[in-house]
PDB file of N, CA and C in Angstrom:
ATOM      1  N   MET A   1      10.498 -21.942  30.826  1.00  0.00           N
ATOM      2  CA  MET A   1      10.416 -22.848  29.689  1.00  0.00           C
ATOM      3  C   MET A   1       9.884 -22.091  28.477  1.00  0.00           C
ATOM      4  N   MET A   2      10.625 -22.105  27.388  1.00  0.00           N
ATOM      5  CA  MET A   2      10.220 -21.411  26.167  1.00  0.00           C
ATOM      6  C   MET A   2       9.262 -22.289  25.374  1.00  0.00           C
ATOM      7  N   ARG A   3       8.241 -21.681  24.840  1.00  0.00           N
ATOM      8  CA  ARG A   3       7.333 -22.427  23.975  1.00  0.00           C
ATOM      9  C   ARG A   3       7.306 -21.779  22.603  1.00  0.00           C
ATOM     10  N   GLU A   4       6.938 -22.557  21.622  1.00  0.00           N
ATOM     11  CA  GLU A   4       6.897 -22.059  20.260  1.00  0.00           C
ATOM     12  C   GLU A   4       5.768 -21.046  20.112  1.00  0.00           C
ATOM     13  N   LEU A   5       6.077 -19.914  19.494  1.00  0.00           N
ATOM     14  CA  LEU A   5       5.076 -18.866  19.297  1.00  0.00           C
ATOM     15  C   LEU A   5       4.064 -19.300  18.259  1.00  0.00           C
ATOM     16  N   GLN A   6       2.820 -18.999  18.517  1.00  0.00           N
ATOM     17  CA  GLN A   6       1.756 -19.287  17.566  1.00  0.00           C
ATOM     18  C   GLN A   6       0.892 -18.040  17.437  1.00  0.00           C
ATOM     19  N   GLY A   7       0.532 -17.689  16.218  1.00  0.00           N
ATOM     20  CA  GLY A   7      -0.332 -16.534  16.015  1.00  0.00           C
ATOM     21  C   GLY A   7       0.381 -15.416  15.282  1.00  0.00           C
ATOM     22  N   PRO A   8      -0.281 -14.276  15.187  1.00  0.00           N
ATOM     23  CA  PRO A   8       0.247 -13.146  14.410  1.00  0.00           C
ATOM     24  C   PRO A   8       1.313 -12.367  15.176  1.00  0.00           C
ATOM     25  N   CYS A   9       2.549 -12.812  15.104  1.00  0.00           N
ATOM     26  CA  CYS A   9       3.648 -12.177  15.845  1.00  0.00           C
ATOM     27  C   CYS A   9       4.584 -11.412  14.923  1.00  0.00           C
ATOM     28  N   LEU A  10       4.153 -11.069  13.739  1.00  0.00           N
ATOM     29  CA  LEU A  10       4.923 -10.367  12.713  1.00  0.00           C
ATOM     30  C   LEU A  10       6.299 -10.966  12.480  1.00  0.00           C
ATOM     31  N   SER A  11       7.341 -10.517  13.182  1.00  0.00           N
ATOM     32  CA  SER A  11       8.680 -11.010  12.866  1.00  0.00           C
ATOM     33  C   SER A  11       8.866 -12.479  13.215  1.00  0.00           C
ATOM     34  N   ASP A  12       8.088 -13.010  14.148  1.00  0.00           N
ATOM     35  CA  ASP A  12       8.191 -14.418  14.512  1.00  0.00           C
ATOM     36  C   ASP A  12       7.126 -15.271  13.826  1.00  0.00           C
ATOM     37  N   CYS A  13       6.344 -14.659  12.984  1.00  0.00           N
ATOM     38  CA  CYS A  13       5.235 -15.357  12.335  1.00  0.00           C
ATOM     39  C   CYS A  13       5.733 -16.186  11.161  1.00  0.00           C
ATOM     40  N   ALA A  14       5.223 -17.369  11.051  1.00  0.00           N
ATOM     41  CA  ALA A  14       5.506 -18.214   9.899  1.00  0.00           C
ATOM     42  C   ALA A  14       4.178 -18.787   9.427  1.00  0.00           C
ATOM     43  N   CYS A  15       3.915 -18.711   8.143  1.00  0.00           N
ATOM     44  CA  CYS A  15       2.639 -19.167   7.622  1.00  0.00           C
ATOM     45  C   CYS A  15       2.848 -19.800   6.245  1.00  0.00           C
ATOM     46  N   ASP A  16       1.808 -20.410   5.716  1.00  0.00           N
ATOM     47  CA  ASP A  16       1.936 -21.050   4.415  1.00  0.00           C
ATOM     48  C   ASP A  16       2.161 -20.000   3.322  1.00  0.00           C
ATOM     49  N   PHE A  17       2.631 -20.448   2.172  1.00  0.00           N
ATOM     50  CA  PHE A  17       3.038 -19.565   1.086  1.00  0.00           C
ATOM     51  C   PHE A  17       1.918 -18.635   0.623  1.00  0.00           C
ATOM     52  N   LYS A  18       0.715 -19.169   0.409  1.00  0.00           N
ATOM     53  CA  LYS A  18      -0.408 -18.345  -0.065  1.00  0.00           C
ATOM     54  C   LYS A  18      -0.740 -17.241   0.933  1.00  0.00           C
ATOM     55  N   THR A  19      -0.755 -17.580   2.209  1.00  0.00           N
ATOM     56  CA  THR A  19      -1.055 -16.589   3.249  1.00  0.00           C
ATOM     57  C   THR A  19       0.024 -15.512   3.280  1.00  0.00           C
ATOM     58  N   ALA A  20       1.283 -15.913   3.166  1.00  0.00           N
ATOM     59  CA  ALA A  20       2.390 -14.949   3.174  1.00  0.00           C
ATOM     60  C   ALA A  20       2.275 -13.992   1.996  1.00  0.00           C
ATOM     61  N   ILE A  21       1.949 -14.503   0.805  1.00  0.00           N
ATOM     62  CA  ILE A  21       1.813 -13.645  -0.380  1.00  0.00           C
ATOM     63  C   ILE A  21       0.644 -12.677  -0.210  1.00  0.00           C
ATOM     64  N   LEU A  22      -0.505 -13.176   0.238  1.00  0.00           N
ATOM     65  CA  LEU A  22      -1.668 -12.307   0.439  1.00  0.00           C
ATOM     66  C   LEU A  22      -1.400 -11.259   1.517  1.00  0.00           C
ATOM     67  N   ALA A  23      -0.677 -11.636   2.560  1.00  0.00           N
ATOM     68  CA  ALA A  23      -0.330 -10.679   3.612  1.00  0.00           C
ATOM     69  C   ALA A  23       0.574  -9.586   3.059  1.00  0.00           C
ATOM     70  N   ARG A  24       1.529  -9.956   2.239  1.00  0.00           N
ATOM     71  CA  ARG A  24       2.425  -8.961   1.639  1.00  0.00           C
ATOM     72  C   ARG A  24       1.662  -8.017   0.710  1.00  0.00           C
ATOM     73  N   ILE A  25       0.784  -8.563  -0.105  1.00  0.00           N
ATOM     74  CA  ILE A  25      -0.015  -7.731  -1.011  1.00  0.00           C
ATOM     75  C   ILE A  25      -0.869  -6.753  -0.206  1.00  0.00           C
ATOM     76  N   SER A  26      -1.487  -7.234   0.846  1.00  0.00           N
ATOM     77  CA  SER A  26      -2.318  -6.376   1.691  1.00  0.00           C
ATOM     78  C   SER A  26      -1.494  -5.282   2.361  1.00  0.00           C
ATOM     79  N   PHE A  27      -0.302  -5.635   2.814  1.00  0.00           N
ATOM     80  CA  PHE A  27       0.562  -4.662   3.466  1.00  0.00           C
ATOM     81  C   PHE A  27       1.014  -3.598   2.477  1.00  0.00           C
ATOM     82  N   VAL A  28       1.344  -3.994   1.246  1.00  0.00           N
ATOM     83  CA  VAL A  28       1.714  -3.038   0.202  1.00  0.00           C
ATOM     84  C   VAL A  28       0.549  -2.094  -0.073  1.00  0.00           C
ATOM     85  N   TYR A  29      -0.649  -2.625  -0.163  1.00  0.00           N
ATOM     86  CA  TYR A  29      -1.830  -1.796  -0.424  1.00  0.00           C
ATOM     87  C   TYR A  29      -2.066  -0.808   0.719  1.00  0.00           C
ATOM     88  N   LEU A  30      -1.894  -1.257   1.950  1.00  0.00           N
ATOM     89  CA  LEU A  30      -2.044  -0.375   3.113  1.00  0.00           C
ATOM     90  C   LEU A  30      -1.047   0.776   3.044  1.00  0.00           C
ATOM     91  N   ILE A  31       0.197   0.468   2.729  1.00  0.00           N
ATOM     92  CA  ILE A  31       1.215   1.515   2.637  1.00  0.00           C
ATOM     93  C   ILE A  31       0.895   2.464   1.481  1.00  0.00           C
ATOM     94  N   ALA A  32       0.488   1.923   0.329  1.00  0.00           N
ATOM     95  CA  ALA A  32       0.155   2.772  -0.823  1.00  0.00           C
ATOM     96  C   ALA A  32      -0.987   3.727  -0.492  1.00  0.00           C
ATOM     97  N   CYS A  33      -2.011   3.220   0.182  1.00  0.00           N
ATOM     98  CA  CYS A  33      -3.140   4.082   0.577  1.00  0.00           C
ATOM     99  C   CYS A  33      -2.694   5.166   1.547  1.00  0.00           C
ATOM    100  N   SER A  34      -1.835   4.809   2.483  1.00  0.00           N
ATOM    101  CA  SER A  34      -1.338   5.791   3.455  1.00  0.00           C
ATOM    102  C   SER A  34      -0.522   6.877   2.772  1.00  0.00           C
ATOM    103  N   VAL A  35       0.365   6.475   1.843  1.00  0.00           N
ATOM    104  CA  VAL A  35       1.160   7.455   1.099  1.00  0.00           C
ATOM    105  C   VAL A  35       0.240   8.352   0.283  1.00  0.00           C
ATOM    106  N   TYR A  36      -0.729   7.769  -0.379  1.00  0.00           N
ATOM    107  CA  TYR A  36      -1.670   8.530  -1.195  1.00  0.00           C
ATOM    108  C   TYR A  36      -2.428   9.552  -0.354  1.00  0.00           C
ATOM    109  N   LEU A  37      -2.967   9.115   0.774  1.00  0.00           N
ATOM    110  CA  LEU A  37      -3.726  10.031   1.630  1.00  0.00           C
ATOM    111  C   LEU A  37      -2.857  11.157   2.172  1.00  0.00           C
ATOM    112  N   ALA A  38      -1.662  10.837   2.622  1.00  0.00           N
ATOM    113  CA  ALA A  38      -0.771  11.855   3.174  1.00  0.00           C
ATOM    114  C   ALA A  38      -0.334  12.857   2.106  1.00  0.00           C
ATOM    115  N   ALA A  39       0.016  12.360   0.926  1.00  0.00           N
ATOM    116  CA  ALA A  39       0.521  13.235  -0.123  1.00  0.00           C
ATOM    117  C   ALA A  39      -0.576  14.026  -0.819  1.00  0.00           C
ATOM    118  N   SER A  40      -1.782  13.491  -0.890  1.00  0.00           N
ATOM    119  CA  SER A  40      -2.853  14.188  -1.605  1.00  0.00           C
ATOM    120  C   SER A  40      -3.670  15.106  -0.704  1.00  0.00           C
ATOM    121  N   ARG A  41      -3.365  15.123   0.567  1.00  0.00           N
ATOM    122  CA  ARG A  41      -4.116  15.957   1.512  1.00  0.00           C
ATOM    123  C   ARG A  41      -4.103  17.427   1.097  1.00  0.00           C
ATOM    124  N   ASN A  42      -2.974  17.913   0.569  1.00  0.00           N
ATOM    125  CA  ASN A  42      -2.852  19.322   0.193  1.00  0.00           C
ATOM    126  C   ASN A  42      -3.027  19.568  -1.299  1.00  0.00           C
ATOM    127  N   MET A  43      -3.404  18.536  -2.041  1.00  0.00           N
ATOM    128  CA  MET A  43      -3.628  18.724  -3.475  1.00  0.00           C
ATOM    129  C   MET A  43      -4.942  19.469  -3.697  1.00  0.00           C
ATOM    130  N   GLU A  44      -4.972  20.176  -4.797  1.00  0.00           N
ATOM    131  CA  GLU A  44      -6.205  20.882  -5.140  1.00  0.00           C
ATOM    132  C   GLU A  44      -7.312  19.889  -5.450  1.00  0.00           C
ATOM    133  N   THR A  45      -8.527  20.306  -5.218  1.00  0.00           N
ATOM    134  CA  THR A  45      -9.693  19.490  -5.558  1.00  0.00           C
ATOM    135  C   THR A  45     -10.418  20.189  -6.704  1.00  0.00           C
ATOM    136  N   PRO A  46     -10.129  19.782  -7.921  1.00  0.00           N
ATOM    137  CA  PRO A  46     -10.625  20.487  -9.100  1.00  0.00           C
ATOM    138  C   PRO A  46     -12.139  20.692  -9.131  1.00  0.00           C
ATOM    139  N   PHE A  47     -12.901  19.701  -8.692  1.00  0.00           N
ATOM    140  CA  PHE A  47     -14.351  19.851  -8.773  1.00  0.00           C
ATOM    141  C   PHE A  47     -14.899  20.825  -7.740  1.00  0.00           C
ATOM    142  N   LYS A  48     -14.237  20.964  -6.622  1.00  0.00           N
ATOM    143  CA  LYS A  48     -14.671  21.939  -5.621  1.00  0.00           C
ATOM    144  C   LYS A  48     -14.218  23.338  -5.997  1.00  0.00           C
ATOM    145  N   ASP A  49     -13.029  23.420  -6.592  1.00  0.00           N
ATOM    146  CA  ASP A  49     -12.430  24.722  -6.898  1.00  0.00           C
ATOM    147  C   ASP A  49     -12.867  25.290  -8.246  1.00  0.00           C
ATOM    148  N   SER A  50     -13.372  24.451  -9.125  1.00  0.00           N
ATOM    149  CA  SER A  50     -13.669  24.923 -10.476  1.00  0.00           C
ATOM    150  C   SER A  50     -14.929  24.258 -11.014  1.00  0.00           C
ATOM    151  N   LEU A  51     -15.851  25.070 -11.440  1.00  0.00           N
ATOM    152  CA  LEU A  51     -17.083  24.563 -12.049  1.00  0.00           C
ATOM    153  C   LEU A  51     -17.231  25.110 -13.463  1.00  0.00           C
ATOM    154  N   THR A  52     -16.111  25.068 -14.198  1.00  0.00           N
ATOM    155  CA  THR A  52     -16.114  25.611 -15.558  1.00  0.00           C
ATOM    156  C   THR A  52     -16.509  24.534 -16.574  1.00  0.00           C
ATOM    157  N   SER A  53     -16.606  24.965 -17.831  1.00  0.00           N
ATOM    158  CA  SER A  53     -16.927  24.015 -18.898  1.00  0.00           C
ATOM    159  C   SER A  53     -15.756  23.070 -19.176  1.00  0.00           C
ATOM    160  N   ALA A  54     -14.589  23.382 -18.662  1.00  0.00           N
ATOM    161  CA  ALA A  54     -13.401  22.547 -18.867  1.00  0.00           C
ATOM    162  C   ALA A  54     -13.271  21.468 -17.780  1.00  0.00           C
ATOM    163  N   GLN A  55     -14.356  21.188 -17.123  1.00  0.00           N
ATOM    164  CA  GLN A  55     -14.332  20.251 -16.000  1.00  0.00           C
ATOM    165  C   GLN A  55     -13.840  18.849 -16.385  1.00  0.00           C
ATOM    166  N   LEU A  56     -14.203  18.373 -17.522  1.00  0.00           N
ATOM    167  CA  LEU A  56     -13.755  17.048 -17.942  1.00  0.00           C
ATOM    168  C   LEU A  56     -12.235  16.994 -18.150  1.00  0.00           C
ATOM    169  N   LEU A  57     -11.668  18.049 -18.722  1.00  0.00           N
ATOM    170  CA  LEU A  57     -10.221  18.107 -18.893  1.00  0.00           C
ATOM    171  C   LEU A  57      -9.520  18.144 -17.538  1.00  0.00           C
ATOM    172  N   ILE A  58     -10.044  18.928 -16.636  1.00  0.00           N
ATOM    173  CA  ILE A  58      -9.485  19.011 -15.286  1.00  0.00           C
ATOM    174  C   ILE A  58      -9.518  17.641 -14.618  1.00  0.00           C
ATOM    175  N   LYS A  59     -10.621  16.938 -14.760  1.00  0.00           N
ATOM    176  CA  LYS A  59     -10.752  15.605 -14.166  1.00  0.00           C
ATOM    177  C   LYS A  59      -9.711  14.654 -14.745  1.00  0.00           C
ATOM    178  N   LYS A  60      -9.515  14.715 -16.052  1.00  0.00           N
ATOM    179  CA  LYS A  60      -8.550  13.831 -16.705  1.00  0.00           C
ATOM    180  C   LYS A  60      -7.131  14.086 -16.192  1.00  0.00           C
ATOM    181  N   GLU A  61      -6.750  15.345 -16.088  1.00  0.00           N
ATOM    182  CA  GLU A  61      -5.417  15.698 -15.592  1.00  0.00           C
ATOM    183  C   GLU A  61      -5.251  15.297 -14.124  1.00  0.00           C
ATOM    184  N   SER A  62      -6.267  15.539 -13.337  1.00  0.00           N
ATOM    185  CA  SER A  62      -6.224  15.187 -11.915  1.00  0.00           C
ATOM    186  C   SER A  62      -6.102  13.676 -11.733  1.00  0.00           C
ATOM    187  N   THR A  63      -6.840  12.930 -12.535  1.00  0.00           N
ATOM    188  CA  THR A  63      -6.782  11.464 -12.458  1.00  0.00           C
ATOM    189  C   THR A  63      -5.378  10.971 -12.781  1.00  0.00           C
ATOM    190  N   ALA A  64      -4.742  11.552 -13.770  1.00  0.00           N
ATOM    191  CA  ALA A  64      -3.382  11.143 -14.140  1.00  0.00           C
ATOM    192  C   ALA A  64      -2.409  11.415 -12.992  1.00  0.00           C
ATOM    193  N   GLN A  65      -2.523  12.581 -12.361  1.00  0.00           N
ATOM    194  CA  GLN A  65      -1.667  12.931 -11.217  1.00  0.00           C
ATOM    195  C   GLN A  65      -1.851  11.938 -10.075  1.00  0.00           C
ATOM    196  N   ARG A  66      -3.087  11.662  -9.739  1.00  0.00           N
ATOM    197  CA  ARG A  66      -3.379  10.788  -8.605  1.00  0.00           C
ATOM    198  C   ARG A  66      -3.000   9.335  -8.892  1.00  0.00           C
ATOM    199  N   THR A  67      -3.111   8.914 -10.133  1.00  0.00           N
ATOM    200  CA  THR A  67      -2.677   7.566 -10.505  1.00  0.00           C
ATOM    201  C   THR A  67      -1.174   7.416 -10.316  1.00  0.00           C
ATOM    202  N   LYS A  68      -0.410   8.420 -10.753  1.00  0.00           N
ATOM    203  CA  LYS A  68       1.039   8.398 -10.571  1.00  0.00           C
ATOM    204  C   LYS A  68       1.380   8.373  -9.083  1.00  0.00           C
ATOM    205  N   LEU A  69       0.693   9.176  -8.298  1.00  0.00           N
ATOM    206  CA  LEU A  69       0.943   9.246  -6.860  1.00  0.00           C
ATOM    207  C   LEU A  69       0.668   7.901  -6.191  1.00  0.00           C
ATOM    208  N   PHE A  70      -0.429   7.254  -6.543  1.00  0.00           N
ATOM    209  CA  PHE A  70      -0.747   5.957  -5.959  1.00  0.00           C
ATOM    210  C   PHE A  70       0.283   4.918  -6.387  1.00  0.00           C
ATOM    211  N   SER A  71       0.747   4.982  -7.622  1.00  0.00           N
ATOM    212  CA  SER A  71       1.778   4.053  -8.097  1.00  0.00           C
ATOM    213  C   SER A  71       3.068   4.200  -7.299  1.00  0.00           C
ATOM    214  N   VAL A  72       3.434   5.425  -6.964  1.00  0.00           N
ATOM    215  CA  VAL A  72       4.606   5.660  -6.113  1.00  0.00           C
ATOM    216  C   VAL A  72       4.375   5.003  -4.751  1.00  0.00           C
ATOM    217  N   GLY A  73       3.173   5.126  -4.218  1.00  0.00           N
ATOM    218  CA  GLY A  73       2.852   4.489  -2.944  1.00  0.00           C
ATOM    219  C   GLY A  73       2.991   2.978  -3.009  1.00  0.00           C
ATOM    220  N   VAL A  74       2.556   2.379  -4.112  1.00  0.00           N
ATOM    221  CA  VAL A  74       2.698   0.928  -4.291  1.00  0.00           C
ATOM    222  C   VAL A  74       4.179   0.552  -4.315  1.00  0.00           C
ATOM    223  N   LEU A  75       4.986   1.313  -5.036  1.00  0.00           N
ATOM    224  CA  LEU A  75       6.421   1.030  -5.089  1.00  0.00           C
ATOM    225  C   LEU A  75       7.075   1.163  -3.716  1.00  0.00           C
ATOM    226  N   VAL A  76       6.713   2.190  -2.961  1.00  0.00           N
ATOM    227  CA  VAL A  76       7.236   2.356  -1.595  1.00  0.00           C
ATOM    228  C   VAL A  76       6.834   1.154  -0.744  1.00  0.00           C
ATOM    229  N   GLY A  77       5.589   0.719  -0.879  1.00  0.00           N
ATOM    230  CA  GLY A  77       5.119  -0.442  -0.133  1.00  0.00           C
ATOM    231  C   GLY A  77       5.891  -1.695  -0.465  1.00  0.00           C
ATOM    232  N   ILE A  78       6.174  -1.919  -1.744  1.00  0.00           N
ATOM    233  CA  ILE A  78       6.936  -3.093  -2.162  1.00  0.00           C
ATOM    234  C   ILE A  78       8.339  -3.058  -1.566  1.00  0.00           C
ATOM    235  N   VAL A  79       8.973  -1.886  -1.589  1.00  0.00           N
ATOM    236  CA  VAL A  79      10.317  -1.752  -1.016  1.00  0.00           C
ATOM    237  C   VAL A  79      10.294  -2.041   0.487  1.00  0.00           C
ATOM    238  N   VAL A  80       9.310  -1.495   1.195  1.00  0.00           N
ATOM    239  CA  VAL A  80       9.220  -1.718   2.637  1.00  0.00           C
ATOM    240  C   VAL A  80       8.989  -3.191   2.952  1.00  0.00           C
ATOM    241  N   VAL A  81       8.077  -3.832   2.246  1.00  0.00           N
ATOM    242  CA  VAL A  81       7.789  -5.246   2.486  1.00  0.00           C
ATOM    243  C   VAL A  81       9.017  -6.102   2.174  1.00  0.00           C
ATOM    244  N   ALA A  82       9.738  -5.764   1.108  1.00  0.00           N
ATOM    245  CA  ALA A  82      10.931  -6.531   0.755  1.00  0.00           C
ATOM    246  C   ALA A  82      12.045  -6.345   1.784  1.00  0.00           C
ATOM    247  N   ALA A  83      12.114  -5.167   2.383  1.00  0.00           N
ATOM    248  CA  ALA A  83      13.184  -4.863   3.333  1.00  0.00           C
ATOM    249  C   ALA A  83      12.927  -5.410   4.732  1.00  0.00           C
ATOM    250  N   LEU A  84      11.659  -5.545   5.118  1.00  0.00           N
ATOM    251  CA  LEU A  84      11.343  -6.005   6.472  1.00  0.00           C
ATOM    252  C   LEU A  84      11.175  -7.518   6.514  1.00  0.00           C
ATOM    253  N   PRO A  85      11.656  -8.143   7.576  1.00  0.00           N
ATOM    254  CA  PRO A  85      11.540  -9.602   7.684  1.00  0.00           C
ATOM    255  C   PRO A  85      10.191 -10.029   8.269  1.00  0.00           C
ATOM    256  N   ILE A  86       9.110  -9.667   7.583  1.00  0.00           N
ATOM    257  CA  ILE A  86       7.785 -10.034   8.064  1.00  0.00           C
ATOM    258  C   ILE A  86       7.041 -10.826   7.009  1.00  0.00           C
ATOM    259  N   PHE A  87       6.037 -11.542   7.433  1.00  0.00           N
ATOM    260  CA  PHE A  87       5.192 -12.324   6.538  1.00  0.00           C
ATOM    261  C   PHE A  87       5.998 -13.340   5.733  1.00  0.00           C
ATOM    262  N   ARG A  88       6.933 -13.986   6.379  1.00  0.00           N
ATOM    263  CA  ARG A  88       7.739 -14.979   5.664  1.00  0.00           C
ATOM    264  C   ARG A  88       7.018 -16.317   5.645  1.00  0.00           C
ATOM    265  N   PRO A  89       7.135 -17.062   4.563  1.00  0.00           N
ATOM    266  CA  PRO A  89       6.463 -18.359   4.490  1.00  0.00           C
ATOM    267  C   PRO A  89       7.167 -19.402   5.370  1.00  0.00           C
ATOM    268  N   LEU A  90       6.435 -20.450   5.703  1.00  0.00           N
ATOM    269  CA  LEU A  90       7.001 -21.546   6.465  1.00  0.00           C
ATOM    270  C   LEU A  90       8.160 -22.183   5.722  1.00  0.00           C
ATOM    271  N   ALA A  91       9.163 -22.570   6.472  1.00  0.00           N
ATOM    272  CA  ALA A  91      10.276 -23.288   5.865  1.00  0.00           C
ATOM    273  C   ALA A  91       9.815 -24.722   5.548  1.00  0.00           C
ATOM    274  N   LYS A  92      10.214 -25.213   4.396  1.00  0.00           N
ATOM    275  CA  LYS A  92       9.838 -26.586   4.033  1.00  0.00           C
ATOM    276  C   LYS A  92      10.655 -27.557   4.863  1.00  0.00           C
ATOM    277  N   SER A  93       9.948 -28.551   5.452  1.00  0.00           N
ATOM    278  CA  SER A  93      10.693 -29.507   6.274  1.00  0.00           C
ATOM    279  C   SER A  93      10.883 -30.819   5.592  1.00  0.00           C
TER     280      SER A  93
END
């Protein structure tokens, strides 16, 4: 006898609209953080590598690079969430 699934079953999960939106936002953030960590692992660390008087300029350039990288991660997350059939809201009855 089949019973209706209840709980966090990802593809079989159905929840209210607010929960679905918050779940998607959280999933996008998780993916963005993962992309950022993986891609920045081999990036230079300006403050460890350089203690010159130009430190503020180095920080500014590094911040711009890392901001762009995190933005790419957010975009990848949005594409993945849009492509996967997860976190869908309940159908209106």
